[in-house]
Amino acid sequence: MKNARVLSKDLLVDSFKKVVNERVQFTEDDVQDWIYLDTPKSIMVVAITPDKQLILVKLYRHNIKLDVCELPAGGAEHEGEKVLEAAKRELLEETGYTSENFVDLGKYYVLPSETNRWVYYFLALDARKQQEPQYDDLIEKYFDMSVLQVPLDDVSTVKDAANVNIVGLESLHGLALAREYLDSRSVSLSVSSLLAH
């Protein structure tokens, strides 16, 4: 595949999420269509309040016909916008919360073979409500989006998260990254306090 040659590239659907068809020559006798979603990078924020409440958005996802809870997320689509700026903007727009303490949790590839999208994850510690959400796109305006808080301890496992309707892999992955970070911090703080005595 690394040595495959793209013979042509056609845009099948031209929207925010583009559908692309590439004619790919794998060998001299083997030419195939490779269709995928060409989507902009996105961000996802695990926002936690000072009293250890997880900030979630509840919304209706038309493609699966369900109401679900997810981490605040969105596209880093503004020209010249850095991913951290996008994370801060999306958190404020979707939830009305802000934070002065963002932690970069890394970037991860989504849906292999179906898209070229990367998700950048951030942890927002000590998140505080600053304003009401500013719903600006189709999903936010028309799919009953709302903000809710769940005690962080209530979503310790995937099963716990599913019990509060967090069933999307991207949100579950973000929670796992945040738990890993927070657990490593509590271990290092415990070791530091032991060494200080």
Foldseek 3Di string as FASTA:
>chain_A
DVPKDFPDKDFPDDDQWTWIWTFIHPDPPDTDIQIAIEHAAKEFEFEAAPVQWTKWKWWQDVVVRDIAIFTQMDGQPDPPRDRVNRVQVSCCQQAQKGAPDKDWLAKDAPDPSHYRYIYTYIYGYNIDHHDHHNDDDDRSPPTPMDMDIDRLVQPPDVVSNVVRRHDDPVRRVNNVSVVVVVVVVVVVVVVVVVVVD
